[in-house]
Amino acid sequence: MFGTRSRGHYAVDLRFSLPVLRLYLVMLIGCERRTAERRRRDRRSHPLTTAGNLFATLLFLAVLAVPLLITAYAVKSGVGIDLLENSGAHDMIEELRRQFILLLY
C-alpha cells in the first residue's frame, strides 16, 4: 500500500501542503475498513492525546468558531436583538476594566 501512488476511495480526500511552514495536511473521511485489531494497534502507536493533536484541534475549532460567531452576530443584528440593555459592548468592557482596576487597588 505504501508504494502505490493511487488514492483510495474516500468521501472526503483533502491533501495539500503549506510551503511556508514546510508542513502538509491530509484529511480523509470514508468508511472504516480496518479490522478491530488494527484499530487497537493504531491507537497504541498513534495516541490521540498528544500536544500536537490538541493544538491542531484547538486551531480547527477556532477557525470554525470565528465564521460561526460572525454569522450569529450578523443574524442577531439583522433581527434586532439587543443582548445588553441600555448599553453596548464597549460600555460593558469599560465597566469591567474599571472594576478590575478597583480590584487591584
Protein backbone atom coordinates (compact mmCIF):
# COMPACT_ATOMS: atom_id res chain seq x y z
CA MET A 1 0.00 0.00 0.00
CA PHE A 2 2.83 2.41 0.82
CA GLY A 3 4.35 2.08 -2.64
CA THR A 4 1.16 2.84 -4.55
CA ARG A 5 0.56 6.30 -5.92
CA SER A 6 -3.17 5.98 -6.44
CA ARG A 7 -5.59 7.27 -3.84
CA GLY A 8 -8.26 5.25 -2.11
CA HIS A 9 -11.95 5.90 -2.43
CA TYR A 10 -12.95 8.37 0.29
CA ALA A 11 -15.94 10.67 0.67
CA VAL A 12 -13.50 13.47 1.56
CA ASP A 13 -9.90 13.40 0.34
CA LEU A 14 -8.12 16.69 1.03
CA ARG A 15 -4.34 16.80 0.70
CA PHE A 16 -2.29 19.96 0.49
CA SER A 17 0.99 21.37 1.72
CA LEU A 18 1.87 24.62 3.40
CA PRO A 19 5.20 25.51 1.76
CA VAL A 20 5.97 28.40 4.10
CA LEU A 21 5.83 26.14 7.16
CA ARG A 22 7.07 23.02 5.35
CA LEU A 23 4.03 21.10 6.56
CA TYR A 24 1.36 19.08 4.83
CA LEU A 25 -2.24 18.46 5.80
CA VAL A 26 -4.30 15.37 4.98
CA MET A 27 -7.98 14.89 5.77
CA LEU A 28 -9.58 11.61 4.80
CA ILE A 29 -13.16 10.71 5.59
CA GLY A 30 -14.67 7.44 4.47
CA CYS A 31 -15.92 4.04 5.51
CA GLU A 32 -13.85 2.24 8.15
CA ARG A 33 -12.20 -0.81 6.58
CA ARG A 34 -9.61 -1.63 9.24
CA THR A 35 -10.07 -4.63 11.49
CA ALA A 36 -10.67 -4.17 15.22
CA GLU A 37 -7.15 -5.46 15.97
CA ARG A 38 -5.56 -2.97 13.58
CA ARG A 39 -7.57 -0.11 15.11
CA ARG A 40 -6.30 -1.11 18.59
CA ARG A 41 -2.71 -1.26 17.29
CA ASP A 42 -3.07 2.13 15.63
CA ARG A 43 -4.45 3.71 18.83
CA ARG A 44 -1.46 2.41 20.78
CA SER A 45 1.14 3.55 18.26
CA HIS A 46 -0.52 6.90 17.43
CA PRO A 47 -2.26 8.20 20.57
CA LEU A 48 -4.91 10.86 20.16
CA THR A 49 -3.80 12.75 23.28
CA THR A 50 -0.64 14.50 22.14
CA ALA A 51 0.29 18.18 22.31
CA GLY A 52 0.27 18.44 18.52
CA ASN A 53 -3.20 16.94 18.25
CA LEU A 54 -4.50 19.25 20.99
CA PHE A 55 -3.05 22.29 19.20
CA ALA A 56 -4.48 21.18 15.83
CA THR A 57 -7.91 20.58 17.37
CA LEU A 58 -7.95 23.98 19.07
CA LEU A 59 -6.82 25.66 15.86
CA PHE A 60 -9.52 23.86 13.87
CA LEU A 61 -12.18 24.85 16.41
CA ALA A 62 -11.02 28.48 16.35
CA VAL A 63 -11.11 28.56 12.56
CA LEU A 64 -14.60 27.06 12.68
CA ALA A 65 -15.84 29.28 15.54
CA VAL A 66 -14.89 32.66 14.05
CA PRO A 67 -17.19 32.48 10.98
CA LEU A 68 -19.97 30.99 13.11
CA LEU A 69 -19.75 33.84 15.62
CA ILE A 70 -19.68 36.43 12.85
CA THR A 71 -22.74 34.85 11.25
CA ALA A 72 -24.56 34.68 14.60
CA TYR A 73 -23.75 38.34 15.26
CA ALA A 74 -24.99 39.35 11.81
CA VAL A 75 -28.24 37.42 12.30
CA LYS A 76 -28.68 38.92 15.79
CA SER A 77 -28.12 42.42 14.46
CA GLY A 78 -30.37 41.84 11.45
CA VAL A 79 -33.23 40.61 13.62
CA GLY A 80 -32.71 43.49 16.07
CA ILE A 81 -31.91 41.52 19.21
CA ASP A 82 -30.06 43.56 21.85
CA LEU A 83 -28.22 41.35 24.31
CA LEU A 84 -27.08 44.20 26.58
CA GLU A 85 -29.73 46.54 27.97
CA ASN A 86 -29.21 50.31 27.54
CA SER A 87 -25.56 49.98 26.58
CA GLY A 88 -23.28 48.32 24.11
CA ALA A 89 -20.33 46.01 24.41
CA HIS A 90 -17.91 48.96 24.65
CA ASP A 91 -19.63 50.24 27.82
CA MET A 92 -19.57 46.75 29.32
CA ILE A 93 -15.84 46.34 28.58
CA GLU A 94 -15.12 49.77 30.06
CA GLU A 95 -17.06 48.87 33.23
CA LEU A 96 -15.17 45.57 33.53
CA ARG A 97 -11.89 47.47 33.15
CA ARG A 98 -12.90 49.92 35.91
CA GLN A 99 -13.91 47.04 38.20
CA PHE A 100 -10.62 45.26 37.54
CA ILE A 101 -8.62 48.40 38.38
CA LEU A 102 -10.61 48.80 41.62
CA LEU A 103 -9.92 45.18 42.47
CA LEU A 104 -6.17 45.69 42.08
CA TYR A 105 -6.00 48.84 44.23
